[in-house]
């Protein structure tokens, strides 16, 4: 038998032995022994095993000296095992149960941190992102002198960027849909108007976003397209609005590559506004 095969067999036997021992502990009704074994698993980085045992142990520890520690360790095991949904719920349970507890500050921070780790990409529903921002804000309000305050604030900025990107994607989608129909109709106008409203609301909510220019370009383009696709009754009015938007864009972003486009729009608008 080769040396490699011997090593492989030894590893299998070791894992089998560990699994057998874990199963015995898991089936045990001795919760003190089970808790101590869970602590060993946690110390060894076996967070899935620790979480499995602690989920069974925390109820038995209520009212006991180890109640806080066991609940917090369960939350931390879930977090370190990348089970962020479960972790955020358990950290929240700890903080609700022990708002002045030994691990209260850490638990409050890790509610937000768990949600932060689970934040979806901008194209998806951003409800978890909003939850993470609120959780970090609660942490800052509850522990304003915490050493983690700066980290929480930085995460909030990152999460807000996701929300801004989500709004930009929505505005871009409305703009693209406006041009999709290729003729003058209610859908064309409503989509350009929706693009303008979405972009303007985003700028009101996030006035210092780095994506401000991108939103401004969409507003300018949409106002011009609205004018181009307007009925005779509203055309002159909308060309004036588009022209004003173009001048405003050039004043705010004089070095933007989109200024050339703005100038072309202005020349077209003047044919109807002069």
Protein backbone atom coordinates (compact mmCIF):
# COMPACT_ATOMS: atom_id res chain seq x y z
CA UNK A 1 0.00 0.00 0.00
CA UNK A 2 1.43 3.36 -1.05
CA UNK A 3 2.12 6.22 1.32
CA UNK A 4 -0.54 8.41 -0.36
CA UNK A 5 -3.20 5.75 0.13
CA UNK A 6 -2.23 5.33 3.80
CA UNK A 7 -2.52 9.09 4.36
CA UNK A 8 -5.91 9.16 2.64
CA UNK A 9 -7.21 6.24 4.70
CA UNK A 10 -5.97 7.86 7.90
CA UNK A 11 -7.80 11.08 7.01
CA UNK A 12 -11.02 9.15 6.32
CA UNK A 13 -10.78 7.28 9.62
CA UNK A 14 -10.10 10.52 11.48
CA UNK A 15 -13.09 12.24 9.90
CA UNK A 16 -15.29 9.21 10.54
CA UNK A 17 -14.21 9.21 14.17
CA UNK A 18 -14.92 12.91 14.52
CA UNK A 19 -18.34 12.52 12.90
CA UNK A 20 -19.16 9.62 15.17
CA UNK A 21 -18.14 11.63 18.24
CA UNK A 22 -20.17 14.63 17.10
CA UNK A 23 -23.25 12.49 16.55
CA UNK A 24 -22.94 11.09 20.06
CA UNK A 25 -22.70 14.61 21.50
CA UNK A 26 -25.62 15.82 19.41
CA UNK A 27 -27.85 12.99 20.67
CA UNK A 28 -26.79 13.52 24.26
CA UNK A 29 -29.26 14.97 26.78
CA UNK A 30 -26.40 16.34 28.85
CA UNK A 31 -26.67 19.97 27.78
CA UNK A 32 -23.69 21.09 29.86
CA UNK A 33 -21.49 18.57 28.05
CA UNK A 34 -23.05 19.54 24.72
CA UNK A 35 -22.39 23.22 25.40
CA UNK A 36 -18.75 22.63 26.30
CA UNK A 37 -18.29 20.56 23.15
CA UNK A 38 -19.89 23.35 21.10
CA UNK A 39 -17.39 25.81 22.56
CA UNK A 40 -14.56 23.51 21.50
CA UNK A 41 -15.98 23.31 17.99
CA UNK A 42 -16.18 27.10 17.85
CA UNK A 43 -12.58 27.46 19.04
CA UNK A 44 -11.45 25.01 16.36
CA UNK A 45 -13.30 26.87 13.60
CA UNK A 46 -15.97 24.20 13.15
CA UNK A 47 -18.74 26.77 13.01
CA UNK A 48 -21.38 24.57 11.38
CA UNK A 49 -21.06 21.98 14.12
CA UNK A 50 -20.98 24.68 16.78
CA UNK A 51 -24.13 26.29 15.40
CA UNK A 52 -25.92 22.94 15.20
CA UNK A 53 -25.20 22.16 18.86
CA UNK A 54 -25.81 25.67 20.13
CA UNK A 55 -29.20 25.84 18.40
CA UNK A 56 -30.18 22.93 20.63
CA UNK A 57 -28.47 24.32 23.72
CA UNK A 58 -29.60 27.96 23.95
CA UNK A 59 -33.08 27.10 25.17
CA UNK A 60 -31.70 25.01 28.02
CA UNK A 61 -29.43 27.89 29.08
CA UNK A 62 -32.21 30.43 29.62
CA UNK A 63 -31.94 31.91 33.09
CA UNK A 64 -28.49 30.41 33.60
CA UNK A 65 -25.10 32.04 33.76
CA UNK A 66 -24.16 30.94 30.23
CA UNK A 67 -27.40 32.17 28.61
CA UNK A 68 -25.89 35.30 27.08
CA UNK A 69 -22.70 33.64 25.95
CA UNK A 70 -24.46 30.69 24.32
CA UNK A 71 -26.85 32.90 22.35
CA UNK A 72 -24.10 35.25 21.22
CA UNK A 73 -21.85 32.33 20.28
CA UNK A 74 -24.68 30.83 18.23
CA UNK A 75 -25.06 34.10 16.31
CA UNK A 76 -21.31 34.34 15.78
CA UNK A 77 -21.13 30.72 14.60
CA UNK A 78 -23.84 31.40 12.04
CA UNK A 79 -22.07 34.56 10.91
CA UNK A 80 -18.68 32.88 10.53
CA UNK A 81 -20.40 30.04 8.67
CA UNK A 82 -21.76 32.66 6.20
CA UNK A 83 -25.36 31.97 7.22
CA UNK A 84 -26.05 35.70 7.32
CA UNK A 85 -29.86 35.58 7.41
CA UNK A 86 -29.83 33.37 10.48
CA UNK A 87 -26.99 35.37 12.05
CA UNK A 88 -28.75 38.74 11.74
CA UNK A 89 -31.89 37.26 13.32
CA UNK A 90 -29.93 35.71 16.20
CA UNK A 91 -27.86 38.84 16.86
CA UNK A 92 -31.13 40.80 16.91
CA UNK A 93 -32.62 38.29 19.34
CA UNK A 94 -29.61 38.68 21.61
CA UNK A 95 -29.78 42.48 21.57
CA UNK A 96 -33.53 42.44 22.19
CA UNK A 97 -33.11 40.02 25.09
CA UNK A 98 -30.00 41.66 26.58
CA UNK A 99 -29.84 45.36 25.50
CA UNK A 100 -27.38 46.01 28.35
CA UNK A 101 -25.69 42.66 28.10
CA UNK A 102 -22.01 41.84 27.92
CA UNK A 103 -22.12 41.42 24.13
CA UNK A 104 -24.78 44.05 23.38
CA UNK A 105 -22.48 46.39 21.44
CA UNK A 106 -21.03 43.59 19.34
CA UNK A 107 -24.48 42.13 18.68
CA UNK A 108 -25.86 45.50 17.57
CA UNK A 109 -22.96 45.98 15.16
CA UNK A 110 -23.21 42.47 13.73
CA UNK A 111 -26.92 42.84 12.99
CA UNK A 112 -25.89 45.40 10.39
CA UNK A 113 -22.76 43.52 9.39
CA UNK A 114 -24.73 40.34 8.68
CA UNK A 115 -27.21 42.24 6.50
CA UNK A 116 -24.31 44.07 4.84
CA UNK A 117 -22.68 40.77 3.90
CA UNK A 118 -25.99 39.65 2.41
CA UNK A 119 -26.71 42.82 0.43
CA UNK A 120 -27.83 41.95 -3.13
CA UNK A 121 -26.46 43.35 -6.38
CA UNK A 122 -28.05 46.62 -7.55
CA UNK A 123 -30.39 44.99 -10.09
CA UNK A 124 -32.18 43.03 -7.34
CA UNK A 125 -34.61 44.12 -4.64
CA UNK A 126 -32.73 46.31 -2.16
CA UNK A 127 -34.88 45.67 0.92
CA UNK A 128 -31.94 43.92 2.71
CA UNK A 129 -29.72 46.90 1.85
CA UNK A 130 -32.15 49.33 3.47
CA UNK A 131 -32.33 47.00 6.49
CA UNK A 132 -28.53 47.03 6.79
CA UNK A 133 -28.37 50.83 6.62
CA UNK A 134 -31.03 51.12 9.33
CA UNK A 135 -29.21 48.57 11.49
CA UNK A 136 -25.90 50.43 11.26
CA UNK A 137 -27.66 53.72 12.01
CA UNK A 138 -29.24 52.13 15.09
CA UNK A 139 -25.81 50.91 16.15
CA UNK A 140 -24.31 54.40 15.82
CA UNK A 141 -27.22 55.90 17.75
CA UNK A 142 -26.94 53.30 20.52
CA UNK A 143 -23.14 53.31 20.78
CA UNK A 144 -21.89 56.69 19.52
CA UNK A 145 -18.47 56.25 21.17
CA UNK A 146 -17.85 52.76 19.76
CA UNK A 147 -14.56 52.03 18.03
CA UNK A 148 -16.65 50.44 15.26
CA UNK A 149 -18.50 53.68 14.52
CA UNK A 150 -16.24 54.60 11.59
CA UNK A 151 -16.54 51.13 10.06
CA UNK A 152 -20.33 51.28 10.39
CA UNK A 153 -20.43 54.67 8.68
CA UNK A 154 -18.21 53.43 5.84
CA UNK A 155 -20.50 50.45 5.30
CA UNK A 156 -23.49 52.79 5.22
CA UNK A 157 -21.86 54.82 2.44
CA UNK A 158 -21.21 51.61 0.47
CA UNK A 159 -24.79 50.46 0.95
CA UNK A 160 -26.16 53.84 -0.11
CA UNK A 161 -24.11 53.51 -3.30
CA UNK A 162 -26.04 50.30 -4.03
CA UNK A 163 -29.32 52.17 -3.66
CA UNK A 164 -28.09 54.93 -5.97
CA UNK A 165 -27.00 52.38 -8.56
CA UNK A 166 -30.42 50.75 -8.31
CA UNK A 167 -32.09 54.11 -9.03
CA UNK A 168 -29.73 54.76 -11.94
CA UNK A 169 -30.55 51.38 -13.48
CA UNK A 170 -34.27 52.12 -13.09
CA UNK A 171 -33.91 55.53 -14.73
CA UNK A 172 -31.88 54.03 -17.59
CA UNK A 173 -34.51 51.35 -18.09
CA UNK A 174 -37.29 53.95 -18.37
CA UNK A 175 -35.23 55.95 -20.85
CA UNK A 176 -34.51 52.87 -22.97
CA UNK A 177 -38.17 51.86 -22.93
CA UNK A 178 -39.13 55.34 -24.07
CA UNK A 179 -37.11 54.92 -27.25
CA UNK A 180 -38.12 51.29 -27.72
CA UNK A 181 -41.52 52.03 -29.21
CA UNK A 182 -40.09 54.18 -31.97
CA UNK A 183 -43.16 56.37 -32.43
CA UNK A 184 -45.20 58.98 -30.61
CA UNK A 185 -47.57 57.42 -28.08
CA UNK A 186 -48.54 57.58 -24.44
CA UNK A 187 -46.06 54.90 -23.44
CA UNK A 188 -43.18 56.82 -24.99
CA UNK A 189 -44.00 59.99 -23.06
CA UNK A 190 -44.74 58.22 -19.78
CA UNK A 191 -41.43 56.35 -19.85
CA UNK A 192 -39.39 59.51 -20.48
CA UNK A 193 -41.33 61.26 -17.73
CA UNK A 194 -40.72 58.30 -15.41
CA UNK A 195 -36.99 58.50 -16.19
CA UNK A 196 -36.95 62.21 -15.31
CA UNK A 197 -38.86 61.72 -12.05
CA UNK A 198 -36.74 58.74 -10.99
CA UNK A 199 -33.49 60.60 -11.69
CA UNK A 200 -34.63 63.80 -10.00
CA UNK A 201 -35.80 61.94 -6.90
CA UNK A 202 -32.48 60.12 -6.72
CA UNK A 203 -30.60 63.43 -6.82
CA UNK A 204 -32.80 64.82 -4.06
CA UNK A 205 -32.19 61.75 -1.90
CA UNK A 206 -28.46 61.46 -2.68
CA UNK A 207 -27.29 64.98 -3.67
CA UNK A 208 -23.60 64.17 -3.23
CA UNK A 209 -23.54 60.93 -5.20
CA UNK A 210 -20.65 60.36 -7.60
CA UNK A 211 -23.26 59.35 -10.19
CA UNK A 212 -24.79 62.83 -10.27
CA UNK A 213 -23.59 63.50 -13.81
CA UNK A 214 -25.09 60.24 -15.10
CA UNK A 215 -28.47 61.16 -13.66
CA UNK A 216 -28.20 64.67 -15.12
CA UNK A 217 -27.45 63.27 -18.58
CA UNK A 218 -30.55 61.07 -18.42
CA UNK A 219 -32.73 64.00 -17.36
CA UNK A 220 -31.39 66.15 -20.19
CA UNK A 221 -31.81 63.41 -22.80
CA UNK A 222 -35.29 62.53 -21.61
CA UNK A 223 -36.49 66.13 -21.68
CA UNK A 224 -35.20 66.52 -25.21
CA UNK A 225 -36.85 63.28 -26.32
CA UNK A 226 -40.09 64.40 -24.70
CA UNK A 227 -39.96 67.54 -26.78
CA UNK A 228 -39.16 65.57 -29.95
CA UNK A 229 -42.12 63.25 -29.33
CA UNK A 230 -44.59 65.88 -28.16
CA UNK A 231 -47.84 66.90 -29.76
CA UNK A 232 -47.96 70.29 -31.43
CA UNK A 233 -49.71 71.80 -28.41
CA UNK A 234 -46.87 71.02 -26.00
CA UNK A 235 -43.85 70.97 -28.29
CA UNK A 236 -42.65 74.56 -27.84
CA UNK A 237 -43.06 74.39 -24.06
CA UNK A 238 -41.07 71.17 -23.84
CA UNK A 239 -38.33 72.42 -26.14
CA UNK A 240 -37.90 75.39 -23.79
CA UNK A 241 -37.67 73.04 -20.82
CA UNK A 242 -35.13 70.89 -22.66
CA UNK A 243 -33.10 73.93 -23.65
CA UNK A 244 -33.01 75.20 -20.06
CA UNK A 245 -31.94 71.74 -18.90
CA UNK A 246 -29.10 71.70 -21.40
CA UNK A 247 -27.81 75.09 -20.25
CA UNK A 248 -28.06 73.95 -16.64
CA UNK A 249 -26.09 70.80 -17.45
CA UNK A 250 -23.30 72.73 -19.18
CA UNK A 251 -23.03 75.10 -16.23
CA UNK A 252 -22.81 72.28 -13.69
CA UNK A 253 -20.59 69.93 -15.74
CA UNK A 254 -18.54 72.16 -18.06
CA UNK A 255 -15.89 69.47 -18.58
CA UNK A 256 -18.32 66.67 -19.33
CA UNK A 257 -18.09 64.82 -22.63
CA UNK A 258 -21.89 65.16 -22.81
CA UNK A 259 -21.58 68.95 -23.25
CA UNK A 260 -21.25 68.46 -27.01
CA UNK A 261 -24.54 66.62 -27.02
CA UNK A 262 -26.08 69.37 -24.90
CA UNK A 263 -24.96 72.00 -27.45
CA UNK A 264 -26.52 70.02 -30.29
CA UNK A 265 -29.77 69.77 -28.35
CA UNK A 266 -29.71 73.53 -27.74
CA UNK A 267 -29.31 74.22 -31.48
CA UNK A 268 -32.29 71.99 -32.26
CA UNK A 269 -34.39 73.48 -29.48
CA UNK A 270 -33.75 77.04 -30.69
CA UNK A 271 -35.46 76.23 -33.98
CA UNK A 272 -38.69 75.99 -32.01
CA UNK A 273 -38.09 78.45 -29.16
CA UNK A 274 -36.88 81.53 -31.05
